[in-house]
C-alpha cells in the first residue's frame, strides 16, 4: 500500500492576498498546509504536488478572463508568484515539466526517493502527460488531497484521479482547501463524496 499527500498549487500568486490570482481566504489555511507538509515529511509520506508554470500564450491566460476557462496572467515561469509558499516547500523534489517525455520521467522517478512536482500550463494537472504514467509506476493506493483552488485545479485533480485511477482511495482535507467561489464548496464536496471520496480535517489526518 502506497499513500501520498497530493498538494494542489499552493503557490504565492494564489495564496498571498497580493497575488496575481488570489483565492479569497486562502491565507487562512496556511497553518493547516504547514501541518500537512510537516506530517508527510516526518512520516516518510511522499508529497505529489502540482504547480502552475505559465508562459505567455498559454491557453488559459487572457486579458479579458471569464474566470471559468480563462484567467488573468498568473504563476508566470520564474516570477516570485510562481513559487510555492514557505509552508509547503517540498523535500528533494523531482520536477517534471509538461514537455518531459513520459519515458524520461519514469527513468528519473525510478531513481528518486523524494517528493514529486508536476509543472503544468493548464489548470488540469493531467495535461502534463507524465502524471498518469508516474502515478501508475508509483503504485499509489491512497491520495490525501488539499490546496487551491477547490473549484478549479482541485476539481480537475480529484475528477482526474477518479477517471484515470479509480482504484486510488481519495481523501480531501476540507479545512486545507479554498475555492474561488466558496458558494460551490458544498456542491463539489458532496458530489465527490457521493462518488466515494472521503472527507477529513487536518486534525483527523495528522492526529494533532
N, C-alpha and C. Protein backbone atom coordinates (compact mmCIF):
# COMPACT_ATOMS: atom_id res chain seq x y z
N UNK A 1 0.84 -1.19 0.00
CA UNK A 1 0.00 0.00 0.00
C UNK A 1 0.88 1.25 0.00
N UNK A 2 0.64 2.15 -0.94
CA UNK A 2 1.42 3.38 -1.05
C UNK A 2 0.51 4.58 -0.90
N UNK A 3 0.77 5.34 0.15
CA UNK A 3 -0.01 6.54 0.43
C UNK A 3 0.81 7.78 0.07
N UNK A 4 0.17 8.74 -0.58
CA UNK A 4 0.83 10.01 -0.86
C UNK A 4 -0.08 11.15 -0.40
N UNK A 5 0.54 12.30 -0.16
CA UNK A 5 -0.19 13.55 0.01
C UNK A 5 -0.14 14.28 -1.32
N UNK A 6 -1.29 14.78 -1.78
CA UNK A 6 -1.40 15.40 -3.11
C UNK A 6 -1.66 16.90 -2.91
N UNK A 7 -0.64 17.69 -3.11
CA UNK A 7 -0.67 19.13 -2.85
C UNK A 7 -0.95 19.88 -4.15
N UNK A 8 -2.08 20.57 -4.20
CA UNK A 8 -2.50 21.25 -5.42
C UNK A 8 -2.18 22.75 -5.36
N UNK A 9 -1.18 23.16 -6.11
CA UNK A 9 -0.95 24.58 -6.45
C UNK A 9 -0.88 25.53 -5.25
N UNK A 10 -0.18 25.15 -4.22
CA UNK A 10 -0.05 26.05 -3.06
C UNK A 10 1.07 27.06 -3.35
N UNK A 11 0.73 28.03 -4.20
CA UNK A 11 1.69 28.98 -4.74
C UNK A 11 1.37 30.41 -4.31
N UNK A 12 2.39 31.25 -4.36
CA UNK A 12 2.28 32.63 -3.89
C UNK A 12 1.15 33.38 -4.58
N UNK A 13 1.04 33.26 -5.90
CA UNK A 13 0.04 34.04 -6.63
C UNK A 13 -1.39 33.66 -6.25
N UNK A 14 -1.59 32.47 -5.70
CA UNK A 14 -2.92 32.05 -5.29
C UNK A 14 -3.22 32.34 -3.82
N UNK A 15 -2.20 32.27 -2.98
CA UNK A 15 -2.42 32.29 -1.54
C UNK A 15 -2.13 33.63 -0.88
N UNK A 16 -1.17 34.37 -1.39
CA UNK A 16 -0.90 35.70 -0.83
C UNK A 16 -1.99 36.68 -1.28
N UNK A 17 -2.50 37.51 -0.37
CA UNK A 17 -3.55 38.47 -0.74
C UNK A 17 -3.19 39.40 -1.89
N UNK A 18 -1.90 39.65 -2.10
CA UNK A 18 -1.49 40.49 -3.23
C UNK A 18 -1.05 39.67 -4.43
N UNK A 19 -1.38 38.37 -4.43
CA UNK A 19 -1.03 37.51 -5.55
C UNK A 19 -1.83 37.84 -6.80
N UNK A 20 -1.33 37.41 -7.94
CA UNK A 20 -1.95 37.74 -9.23
C UNK A 20 -3.32 37.10 -9.40
N UNK A 21 -3.57 35.99 -8.73
CA UNK A 21 -4.87 35.32 -8.82
C UNK A 21 -5.23 34.79 -7.43
N UNK A 22 -5.32 35.72 -6.50
CA UNK A 22 -5.58 35.39 -5.10
C UNK A 22 -6.91 34.65 -4.94
N UNK A 23 -6.85 33.53 -4.25
CA UNK A 23 -8.04 32.76 -3.91
C UNK A 23 -8.53 33.26 -2.54
N UNK A 24 -9.67 33.93 -2.48
CA UNK A 24 -10.10 34.57 -1.24
C UNK A 24 -10.08 33.63 -0.03
N UNK A 25 -9.47 34.10 1.04
CA UNK A 25 -9.43 33.33 2.28
C UNK A 25 -8.36 32.26 2.33
N UNK A 26 -7.58 32.12 1.25
CA UNK A 26 -6.61 31.01 1.23
C UNK A 26 -5.51 31.17 2.25
N UNK A 27 -5.26 32.41 2.69
CA UNK A 27 -4.23 32.59 3.71
C UNK A 27 -4.66 31.95 5.03
N UNK A 28 -5.96 31.71 5.21
CA UNK A 28 -6.45 31.13 6.45
C UNK A 28 -6.14 29.64 6.57
N UNK A 29 -5.75 29.01 5.49
CA UNK A 29 -5.43 27.57 5.54
C UNK A 29 -3.93 27.32 5.62
N UNK A 30 -3.13 28.38 5.69
CA UNK A 30 -1.67 28.20 5.66
C UNK A 30 -1.18 27.32 6.80
N UNK A 31 -1.73 27.52 8.00
CA UNK A 31 -1.29 26.72 9.14
C UNK A 31 -1.57 25.24 8.89
N UNK A 32 -2.72 24.93 8.36
CA UNK A 32 -3.04 23.52 8.08
C UNK A 32 -2.17 22.96 6.96
N UNK A 33 -1.88 23.79 5.96
CA UNK A 33 -0.98 23.34 4.90
C UNK A 33 0.40 22.99 5.47
N UNK A 34 0.86 23.83 6.40
CA UNK A 34 2.15 23.56 7.05
C UNK A 34 2.10 22.27 7.86
N UNK A 35 1.01 22.06 8.59
CA UNK A 35 0.86 20.84 9.40
C UNK A 35 0.88 19.59 8.52
N UNK A 36 0.20 19.65 7.39
CA UNK A 36 0.16 18.50 6.50
C UNK A 36 1.53 18.23 5.88
N UNK A 37 2.22 19.29 5.47
CA UNK A 37 3.55 19.13 4.88
C UNK A 37 4.52 18.53 5.88
N UNK A 38 4.52 19.06 7.10
CA UNK A 38 5.41 18.55 8.14
C UNK A 38 5.10 17.10 8.48
N UNK A 39 3.80 16.79 8.59
CA UNK A 39 3.40 15.42 8.91
C UNK A 39 3.90 14.45 7.83
N UNK A 40 3.71 14.83 6.57
CA UNK A 40 4.16 13.95 5.48
C UNK A 40 5.67 13.71 5.56
N UNK A 41 6.43 14.78 5.71
CA UNK A 41 7.88 14.63 5.75
C UNK A 41 8.34 13.86 6.99
N UNK A 42 7.68 14.07 8.12
CA UNK A 42 8.07 13.37 9.35
C UNK A 42 7.72 11.89 9.31
N UNK A 43 6.75 11.52 8.47
CA UNK A 43 6.29 10.13 8.44
C UNK A 43 6.65 9.41 7.14
N UNK A 44 7.56 9.98 6.38
CA UNK A 44 8.02 9.30 5.17
C UNK A 44 6.99 9.16 4.09
N UNK A 45 6.03 10.10 4.05
CA UNK A 45 4.98 10.07 3.03
C UNK A 45 5.39 11.00 1.89
N UNK A 46 5.45 10.48 0.70
CA UNK A 46 5.80 11.32 -0.46
C UNK A 46 4.70 12.34 -0.74
N UNK A 47 5.11 13.57 -1.00
CA UNK A 47 4.17 14.59 -1.46
C UNK A 47 4.24 14.64 -2.98
N UNK A 48 3.11 14.42 -3.61
CA UNK A 48 2.97 14.60 -5.05
C UNK A 48 2.29 15.96 -5.23
N UNK A 49 2.97 16.90 -5.83
CA UNK A 49 2.47 18.26 -5.92
C UNK A 49 2.34 18.71 -7.36
N UNK A 50 1.47 19.72 -7.53
CA UNK A 50 1.39 20.37 -8.83
C UNK A 50 1.63 21.86 -8.63
N UNK A 51 2.16 22.51 -9.66
CA UNK A 51 2.35 23.95 -9.65
C UNK A 51 2.11 24.48 -11.05
N UNK A 52 1.32 25.56 -11.14
CA UNK A 52 1.22 26.27 -12.41
C UNK A 52 2.59 26.84 -12.76
N UNK A 53 2.92 26.79 -14.03
CA UNK A 53 4.19 27.32 -14.51
C UNK A 53 3.94 27.86 -15.92
N UNK A 54 3.32 29.05 -15.96
CA UNK A 54 2.82 29.58 -17.23
C UNK A 54 3.88 30.34 -18.02
N UNK A 55 3.67 30.34 -19.32
CA UNK A 55 4.47 31.16 -20.24
C UNK A 55 3.48 31.95 -21.10
N UNK A 56 3.90 33.10 -21.63
CA UNK A 56 2.98 33.89 -22.46
C UNK A 56 2.38 33.05 -23.59
N UNK A 57 1.09 33.23 -23.81
CA UNK A 57 0.41 32.49 -24.87
C UNK A 57 -0.29 31.24 -24.41
N UNK A 58 -0.12 30.86 -23.12
CA UNK A 58 -0.83 29.68 -22.62
C UNK A 58 -2.34 29.86 -22.79
N UNK A 59 -3.00 28.77 -23.10
CA UNK A 59 -4.42 28.78 -23.48
C UNK A 59 -5.32 29.40 -22.42
N UNK A 60 -5.03 29.17 -21.14
CA UNK A 60 -5.95 29.65 -20.10
C UNK A 60 -5.73 31.11 -19.73
N UNK A 61 -4.68 31.75 -20.24
CA UNK A 61 -4.39 33.13 -19.90
C UNK A 61 -5.13 34.08 -20.83
N UNK A 62 -5.70 35.15 -20.25
CA UNK A 62 -6.44 36.09 -21.06
C UNK A 62 -6.44 37.47 -20.40
N UNK A 63 -6.40 38.50 -21.25
CA UNK A 63 -6.56 39.86 -20.76
C UNK A 63 -8.00 40.20 -20.46
N UNK A 64 -8.91 39.35 -20.89
CA UNK A 64 -10.35 39.52 -20.63
C UNK A 64 -10.90 38.18 -20.14
N UNK A 65 -10.48 37.75 -18.95
CA UNK A 65 -10.80 36.40 -18.49
C UNK A 65 -12.26 36.25 -18.07
N UNK A 66 -12.77 35.00 -18.22
CA UNK A 66 -14.12 34.71 -17.74
C UNK A 66 -14.11 34.02 -16.37
N UNK A 67 -12.92 33.72 -15.85
CA UNK A 67 -12.72 33.07 -14.55
C UNK A 67 -13.40 31.70 -14.48
N UNK A 68 -13.61 31.10 -15.63
CA UNK A 68 -14.10 29.72 -15.71
C UNK A 68 -13.12 28.90 -16.54
N UNK A 69 -12.93 29.34 -17.78
CA UNK A 69 -11.97 28.68 -18.67
C UNK A 69 -10.71 29.52 -18.88
N UNK A 70 -10.80 30.81 -18.60
CA UNK A 70 -9.65 31.69 -18.77
C UNK A 70 -9.46 32.54 -17.52
N UNK A 71 -8.19 32.90 -17.27
CA UNK A 71 -7.84 33.65 -16.08
C UNK A 71 -6.76 34.68 -16.44
N UNK A 72 -6.62 35.74 -15.63
CA UNK A 72 -5.55 36.70 -15.91
C UNK A 72 -4.18 36.05 -15.73
N UNK A 73 -3.14 36.60 -16.33
CA UNK A 73 -1.81 36.01 -16.18
C UNK A 73 -1.44 35.83 -14.70
N UNK A 74 -0.91 34.67 -14.39
CA UNK A 74 -0.55 34.33 -13.02
C UNK A 74 0.48 33.22 -13.05
N UNK A 75 1.23 33.08 -11.97
CA UNK A 75 2.22 32.00 -11.83
C UNK A 75 3.09 31.89 -13.08
N UNK A 76 3.54 33.05 -13.57
CA UNK A 76 4.39 33.04 -14.76
C UNK A 76 5.77 32.47 -14.41
N UNK A 77 6.27 31.67 -15.30
CA UNK A 77 7.52 30.95 -15.08
C UNK A 77 8.63 31.89 -14.61
N UNK A 78 9.25 31.55 -13.48
CA UNK A 78 10.39 32.30 -12.99
C UNK A 78 10.05 33.53 -12.16
N UNK A 79 8.76 33.84 -11.98
CA UNK A 79 8.38 35.01 -11.20
C UNK A 79 8.19 34.61 -9.73
N UNK A 80 8.26 35.60 -8.81
CA UNK A 80 8.03 35.28 -7.40
C UNK A 80 6.67 34.64 -7.15
N UNK A 81 5.66 35.05 -7.91
CA UNK A 81 4.33 34.50 -7.72
C UNK A 81 4.20 33.04 -8.10
N UNK A 82 5.13 32.54 -8.90
CA UNK A 82 5.07 31.14 -9.32
C UNK A 82 5.62 30.21 -8.24
N UNK A 83 6.35 30.76 -7.29
CA UNK A 83 6.97 29.95 -6.24
C UNK A 83 5.94 29.37 -5.29
N UNK A 84 6.30 28.30 -4.66
CA UNK A 84 5.45 27.72 -3.63
C UNK A 84 5.63 28.50 -2.33
N UNK A 85 4.57 28.55 -1.51
CA UNK A 85 4.66 29.27 -0.25
C UNK A 85 5.61 28.52 0.70
N UNK A 86 6.20 29.20 1.68
CA UNK A 86 7.15 28.53 2.58
C UNK A 86 6.57 27.33 3.31
N UNK A 87 5.28 27.38 3.64
CA UNK A 87 4.66 26.30 4.40
C UNK A 87 4.59 24.98 3.64
N UNK A 88 4.72 25.03 2.32
CA UNK A 88 4.57 23.79 1.54
C UNK A 88 5.81 23.49 0.70
N UNK A 89 6.96 23.93 1.18
CA UNK A 89 8.18 23.62 0.46
C UNK A 89 8.40 22.11 0.42
N UNK A 90 8.78 21.63 -0.74
CA UNK A 90 8.97 20.19 -0.93
C UNK A 90 10.37 19.77 -0.52
N UNK A 91 10.54 18.49 -0.33
CA UNK A 91 11.83 17.94 0.08
C UNK A 91 12.41 17.11 -1.07
N UNK A 92 13.57 17.53 -1.55
CA UNK A 92 14.27 16.79 -2.61
C UNK A 92 13.31 16.49 -3.76
N UNK A 93 12.67 17.54 -4.28
CA UNK A 93 11.61 17.33 -5.27
C UNK A 93 12.17 17.03 -6.66
N UNK A 94 11.58 16.04 -7.30
CA UNK A 94 11.82 15.77 -8.71
C UNK A 94 10.78 16.56 -9.49
N UNK A 95 11.25 17.53 -10.29
CA UNK A 95 10.34 18.41 -11.04
C UNK A 95 10.16 17.84 -12.44
N UNK A 96 8.91 17.60 -12.79
CA UNK A 96 8.57 17.06 -14.10
C UNK A 96 7.87 18.16 -14.90
N UNK A 97 8.54 18.63 -15.94
CA UNK A 97 7.99 19.69 -16.77
C UNK A 97 6.93 19.12 -17.73
N UNK A 98 6.01 19.97 -18.22
CA UNK A 98 4.95 19.46 -19.10
C UNK A 98 5.44 18.96 -20.45
N UNK A 99 6.67 19.34 -20.82
CA UNK A 99 7.20 18.85 -22.10
C UNK A 99 8.19 17.69 -21.91
N UNK A 100 8.27 17.16 -20.68
CA UNK A 100 9.11 16.00 -20.44
C UNK A 100 8.48 14.75 -21.04
N UNK A 101 9.27 13.94 -21.70
CA UNK A 101 8.76 12.69 -22.25
C UNK A 101 8.45 11.72 -21.11
N UNK A 102 7.31 11.04 -21.15
CA UNK A 102 6.98 10.10 -20.08
C UNK A 102 8.07 9.07 -19.82
N UNK A 103 8.73 8.59 -20.86
CA UNK A 103 9.79 7.61 -20.65
C UNK A 103 10.94 8.20 -19.84
N UNK A 104 11.26 9.46 -20.10
CA UNK A 104 12.31 10.13 -19.32
C UNK A 104 11.88 10.32 -17.87
N UNK A 105 10.62 10.74 -17.68
CA UNK A 105 10.11 10.94 -16.32
C UNK A 105 10.15 9.64 -15.53
N UNK A 106 9.76 8.55 -16.16
CA UNK A 106 9.75 7.26 -15.46
C UNK A 106 11.16 6.82 -15.09
N UNK A 107 12.11 7.08 -15.96
CA UNK A 107 13.50 6.73 -15.66
C UNK A 107 14.02 7.53 -14.47
N UNK A 108 13.67 8.80 -14.43
CA UNK A 108 14.09 9.65 -13.31
C UNK A 108 13.39 9.22 -12.02
N UNK A 109 12.12 8.90 -12.11
CA UNK A 109 11.34 8.51 -10.94
C UNK A 109 11.87 7.22 -10.33
N UNK A 110 12.32 6.33 -11.15
CA UNK A 110 12.82 5.04 -10.67
C UNK A 110 13.99 5.21 -9.72
N UNK A 111 14.76 6.29 -9.90
CA UNK A 111 15.95 6.52 -9.08
C UNK A 111 15.72 7.56 -7.98
N UNK A 112 14.45 7.95 -7.78
CA UNK A 112 14.17 9.08 -6.90
C UNK A 112 13.35 8.66 -5.69
N UNK A 113 13.74 9.17 -4.50
CA UNK A 113 13.03 8.83 -3.27
C UNK A 113 12.29 10.01 -2.66
N UNK A 114 12.49 11.23 -3.17
CA UNK A 114 11.89 12.41 -2.56
C UNK A 114 10.51 12.72 -3.09
N UNK A 115 10.12 13.97 -2.89
CA UNK A 115 8.82 14.42 -3.37
C UNK A 115 8.81 14.55 -4.89
N UNK A 116 7.60 14.78 -5.42
CA UNK A 116 7.41 14.82 -6.87
C UNK A 116 6.58 16.06 -7.20
N UNK A 117 7.05 16.87 -8.14
CA UNK A 117 6.36 18.10 -8.51
C UNK A 117 6.11 18.13 -10.01
N UNK A 118 4.82 18.20 -10.36
CA UNK A 118 4.44 18.32 -11.76
C UNK A 118 4.15 19.78 -12.08
N UNK A 119 4.92 20.36 -12.99
CA UNK A 119 4.61 21.68 -13.51
C UNK A 119 3.54 21.53 -14.59
N UNK A 120 2.70 22.56 -14.71
CA UNK A 120 1.61 22.48 -15.69
C UNK A 120 1.31 23.87 -16.24
N UNK A 121 0.80 23.88 -17.47
CA UNK A 121 0.46 25.14 -18.14
C UNK A 121 -1.05 25.26 -18.36
N UNK A 122 -1.79 24.42 -17.67
CA UNK A 122 -3.25 24.42 -17.73
C UNK A 122 -3.74 24.00 -16.36
N UNK A 123 -4.96 24.41 -15.98
CA UNK A 123 -5.40 24.08 -14.63
C UNK A 123 -5.59 22.60 -14.38
N UNK A 124 -5.70 21.80 -15.42
CA UNK A 124 -5.81 20.35 -15.28
C UNK A 124 -4.43 19.72 -15.23
N UNK A 125 -4.04 19.17 -14.08
CA UNK A 125 -2.71 18.59 -13.93
C UNK A 125 -2.49 17.44 -14.90
N UNK A 126 -3.57 16.78 -15.33
CA UNK A 126 -3.42 15.64 -16.22
C UNK A 126 -3.09 16.05 -17.66
N UNK A 127 -3.01 17.36 -17.92
CA UNK A 127 -2.48 17.80 -19.22
C UNK A 127 -0.97 17.63 -19.27
N UNK A 128 -0.33 17.45 -18.13
CA UNK A 128 1.07 17.04 -18.12
C UNK A 128 1.07 15.54 -18.40
N UNK A 129 1.60 15.11 -19.55
CA UNK A 129 1.46 13.71 -19.96
C UNK A 129 2.20 12.71 -19.08
N UNK A 130 2.99 13.22 -18.15
CA UNK A 130 3.75 12.32 -17.29
C UNK A 130 2.99 11.92 -16.03
N UNK A 131 1.88 12.60 -15.74
CA UNK A 131 1.20 12.36 -14.47
C UNK A 131 0.70 10.92 -14.37
N UNK A 132 -0.10 10.48 -15.32
CA UNK A 132 -0.66 9.13 -15.23
C UNK A 132 0.42 8.05 -15.21
N UNK A 133 1.42 8.08 -16.11
CA UNK A 133 2.47 7.05 -16.03
C UNK A 133 3.20 7.04 -14.69
N UNK A 134 3.47 8.22 -14.13
CA UNK A 134 4.19 8.28 -12.86
C UNK A 134 3.32 7.80 -11.70
N UNK A 135 2.03 8.13 -11.74
CA UNK A 135 1.11 7.65 -10.71
C UNK A 135 1.04 6.13 -10.75
N UNK A 136 0.93 5.59 -11.95
CA UNK A 136 0.85 4.13 -12.09
C UNK A 136 2.14 3.46 -11.64
N UNK A 137 3.27 4.04 -12.02
CA UNK A 137 4.56 3.44 -11.67
C UNK A 137 4.82 3.51 -10.17
N UNK A 138 4.24 4.50 -9.51
CA UNK A 138 4.44 4.66 -8.06
C UNK A 138 3.58 3.72 -7.24
N UNK A 139 2.62 3.07 -7.87
CA UNK A 139 1.77 2.13 -7.15
C UNK A 139 0.92 2.79 -6.07
N UNK A 140 0.48 4.00 -6.33
CA UNK A 140 -0.29 4.75 -5.34
C UNK A 140 -1.64 4.10 -5.10
N UNK A 141 -1.97 3.91 -3.83
CA UNK A 141 -3.27 3.35 -3.46
C UNK A 141 -4.13 4.35 -2.69
N UNK A 142 -3.50 5.36 -2.06
CA UNK A 142 -4.23 6.37 -1.30
C UNK A 142 -3.65 7.74 -1.60
N UNK A 143 -4.53 8.73 -1.81
CA UNK A 143 -4.09 10.11 -2.04
C UNK A 143 -4.88 11.04 -1.14
N UNK A 144 -4.16 11.77 -0.30
CA UNK A 144 -4.75 12.76 0.59
C UNK A 144 -4.53 14.12 -0.04
N UNK A 145 -5.61 14.78 -0.46
CA UNK A 145 -5.51 15.93 -1.36
C UNK A 145 -5.95 17.23 -0.69
N UNK A 146 -5.21 18.30 -1.00
CA UNK A 146 -5.50 19.62 -0.43
C UNK A 146 -4.88 20.69 -1.33
N UNK A 147 -5.21 21.96 -1.05
CA UNK A 147 -4.64 23.06 -1.82
C UNK A 147 -5.70 23.96 -2.42
N UNK A 148 -5.35 24.63 -3.52
CA UNK A 148 -6.26 25.61 -4.14
C UNK A 148 -6.19 25.49 -5.66
N UNK A 149 -7.19 25.95 -6.33
CA UNK A 149 -8.49 26.35 -5.82
C UNK A 149 -9.44 25.16 -5.95
N UNK A 150 -10.28 25.02 -4.93
CA UNK A 150 -11.16 23.86 -4.86
C UNK A 150 -12.01 23.68 -6.11
N UNK A 151 -12.51 24.80 -6.66
CA UNK A 151 -13.43 24.73 -7.78
C UNK A 151 -12.75 24.77 -9.14
N UNK A 152 -11.43 24.78 -9.16
CA UNK A 152 -10.72 24.76 -10.45
C UNK A 152 -9.68 23.64 -10.42
N UNK A 153 -8.48 23.92 -9.95
CA UNK A 153 -7.40 22.93 -10.04
C UNK A 153 -7.63 21.71 -9.16
N UNK A 154 -8.18 21.93 -7.94
CA UNK A 154 -8.50 20.77 -7.12
C UNK A 154 -9.55 19.89 -7.80
N UNK A 155 -10.54 20.56 -8.39
CA UNK A 155 -11.61 19.81 -9.05
C UNK A 155 -11.05 18.93 -10.17
N UNK A 156 -10.16 19.49 -10.97
CA UNK A 156 -9.59 18.69 -12.05
C UNK A 156 -8.70 17.57 -11.51
N UNK A 157 -8.02 17.82 -10.40
CA UNK A 157 -7.18 16.77 -9.81
C UNK A 157 -8.03 15.63 -9.27
N UNK A 158 -9.07 15.96 -8.50
CA UNK A 158 -9.94 14.92 -7.93
C UNK A 158 -10.64 14.15 -9.04
N UNK A 159 -11.25 14.88 -9.97
CA UNK A 159 -12.00 14.19 -11.02
C UNK A 159 -11.09 13.46 -11.99
N UNK A 160 -9.88 13.95 -12.17
CA UNK A 160 -8.91 13.23 -12.99
C UNK A 160 -8.48 11.93 -12.34
N UNK A 161 -8.26 11.96 -11.03
CA UNK A 161 -7.92 10.73 -10.32
C UNK A 161 -9.08 9.73 -10.38
N UNK A 162 -10.30 10.23 -10.19
CA UNK A 162 -11.46 9.34 -10.27
C UNK A 162 -11.58 8.69 -11.64
N UNK A 163 -11.29 9.47 -12.68
CA UNK A 163 -11.43 8.96 -14.04
C UNK A 163 -10.28 8.05 -14.45
N UNK A 164 -9.06 8.51 -14.20
CA UNK A 164 -7.89 7.80 -14.72
C UNK A 164 -7.35 6.74 -13.75
N UNK A 165 -7.63 6.89 -12.46
CA UNK A 165 -7.07 5.98 -11.46
C UNK A 165 -8.15 5.63 -10.43
N UNK A 166 -9.20 4.96 -10.86
CA UNK A 166 -10.36 4.72 -9.98
C UNK A 166 -10.07 3.84 -8.78
N UNK A 167 -8.95 3.13 -8.77
CA UNK A 167 -8.65 2.27 -7.62
C UNK A 167 -7.97 3.03 -6.49
N UNK A 168 -7.56 4.27 -6.73
CA UNK A 168 -6.92 5.06 -5.68
C UNK A 168 -7.99 5.63 -4.75
N UNK A 169 -7.81 5.42 -3.46
CA UNK A 169 -8.71 5.96 -2.46
C UNK A 169 -8.33 7.42 -2.20
N UNK A 170 -9.28 8.33 -2.42
CA UNK A 170 -9.00 9.76 -2.32
C UNK A 170 -9.63 10.32 -1.05
N UNK A 171 -8.85 11.12 -0.33
CA UNK A 171 -9.37 11.89 0.80
C UNK A 171 -9.10 13.36 0.55
N UNK A 172 -10.13 14.19 0.67
CA UNK A 172 -9.97 15.64 0.56
C UNK A 172 -9.94 16.23 1.96
N UNK A 173 -8.92 17.05 2.24
CA UNK A 173 -8.78 17.67 3.55
C UNK A 173 -9.58 18.97 3.53
N UNK A 174 -10.74 18.95 4.14
CA UNK A 174 -11.73 20.01 3.94
C UNK A 174 -11.33 21.35 4.53
N UNK A 175 -10.46 21.36 5.55
CA UNK A 175 -10.02 22.63 6.11
C UNK A 175 -8.63 23.03 5.61
N UNK A 176 -8.23 22.45 4.48
CA UNK A 176 -6.97 22.81 3.84
C UNK A 176 -7.19 23.05 2.35
N UNK A 177 -8.41 23.46 2.00
CA UNK A 177 -8.76 23.82 0.63
C UNK A 177 -9.58 25.11 0.67
N UNK A 178 -9.49 25.88 -0.40
CA UNK A 178 -10.32 27.08 -0.57
C UNK A 178 -10.71 27.18 -2.04
N UNK A 179 -11.91 27.73 -2.26
CA UNK A 179 -12.43 27.88 -3.62
C UNK A 179 -12.42 29.35 -4.02
N UNK A 180 -12.34 29.60 -5.32
CA UNK A 180 -12.56 30.96 -5.81
C UNK A 180 -13.99 31.37 -5.50
N UNK A 181 -14.93 30.46 -5.72
CA UNK A 181 -16.33 30.68 -5.39
C UNK A 181 -16.71 29.72 -4.26
N UNK A 182 -16.62 30.20 -3.02
CA UNK A 182 -16.87 29.32 -1.88
C UNK A 182 -18.31 28.81 -1.84
N UNK A 183 -19.20 29.47 -2.56
CA UNK A 183 -20.59 29.00 -2.60
C UNK A 183 -20.71 27.63 -3.25
N UNK A 184 -19.68 27.22 -3.99
CA UNK A 184 -19.73 25.91 -4.65
C UNK A 184 -19.14 24.80 -3.79
N UNK A 185 -18.60 25.14 -2.65
CA UNK A 185 -17.90 24.15 -1.81
C UNK A 185 -18.77 22.93 -1.52
N UNK A 186 -19.95 23.14 -0.95
CA UNK A 186 -20.78 22.01 -0.53
C UNK A 186 -21.19 21.15 -1.73
N UNK A 187 -21.49 21.81 -2.85
CA UNK A 187 -21.87 21.07 -4.05
C UNK A 187 -20.73 20.16 -4.51
N UNK A 188 -19.52 20.71 -4.56
CA UNK A 188 -18.37 19.93 -5.03
C UNK A 188 -18.04 18.80 -4.07
N UNK A 189 -17.92 19.13 -2.78
CA UNK A 189 -17.55 18.11 -1.81
C UNK A 189 -18.62 17.02 -1.71
N UNK A 190 -19.88 17.43 -1.75
CA UNK A 190 -20.96 16.45 -1.69
C UNK A 190 -20.98 15.54 -2.91
N UNK A 191 -20.73 16.11 -4.08
CA UNK A 191 -20.69 15.32 -5.30
C UNK A 191 -19.56 14.30 -5.29
N UNK A 192 -18.40 14.72 -4.80
CA UNK A 192 -17.28 13.78 -4.72
C UNK A 192 -17.53 12.71 -3.68
N UNK A 193 -18.11 13.12 -2.57
CA UNK A 193 -18.40 12.14 -1.52
C UNK A 193 -19.35 11.06 -2.05
N UNK A 194 -20.30 11.47 -2.87
CA UNK A 194 -21.23 10.51 -3.45
C UNK A 194 -20.53 9.54 -4.39
N UNK A 195 -19.35 9.94 -4.88
CA UNK A 195 -18.57 9.08 -5.78
C UNK A 195 -17.48 8.32 -5.04
N UNK A 196 -17.51 8.36 -3.71
CA UNK A 196 -16.59 7.54 -2.93
C UNK A 196 -15.41 8.26 -2.34
N UNK A 197 -15.33 9.58 -2.52
CA UNK A 197 -14.22 10.34 -1.96
C UNK A 197 -14.50 10.59 -0.47
N UNK A 198 -13.48 10.40 0.36
CA UNK A 198 -13.60 10.61 1.80
C UNK A 198 -13.28 12.06 2.15
N UNK A 199 -13.99 12.60 3.14
CA UNK A 199 -13.72 13.95 3.64
C UNK A 199 -13.09 13.83 5.04
N UNK A 200 -12.07 14.66 5.29
CA UNK A 200 -11.41 14.63 6.60
C UNK A 200 -10.85 16.01 6.90
N UNK A 201 -10.60 16.27 8.17
CA UNK A 201 -9.96 17.52 8.59
C UNK A 201 -8.46 17.28 8.75
N UNK A 202 -7.72 18.38 8.87
CA UNK A 202 -6.28 18.27 9.10
C UNK A 202 -6.00 17.51 10.38
N UNK A 203 -6.76 17.80 11.43
CA UNK A 203 -6.56 17.09 12.70
C UNK A 203 -6.80 15.60 12.56
N UNK A 204 -7.81 15.23 11.79
CA UNK A 204 -8.08 13.80 11.60
C UNK A 204 -6.96 13.13 10.82
N UNK A 205 -6.32 13.86 9.92
CA UNK A 205 -5.23 13.28 9.13
C UNK A 205 -3.96 13.18 9.96
N UNK A 206 -3.64 14.26 10.69
CA UNK A 206 -2.34 14.32 11.39
C UNK A 206 -2.41 13.84 12.83
N UNK A 207 -3.62 13.84 13.41
CA UNK A 207 -3.74 13.45 14.81
C UNK A 207 -3.40 14.58 15.77
N UNK A 208 -3.10 15.75 15.23
CA UNK A 208 -2.77 16.91 16.10
C UNK A 208 -3.44 18.16 15.57
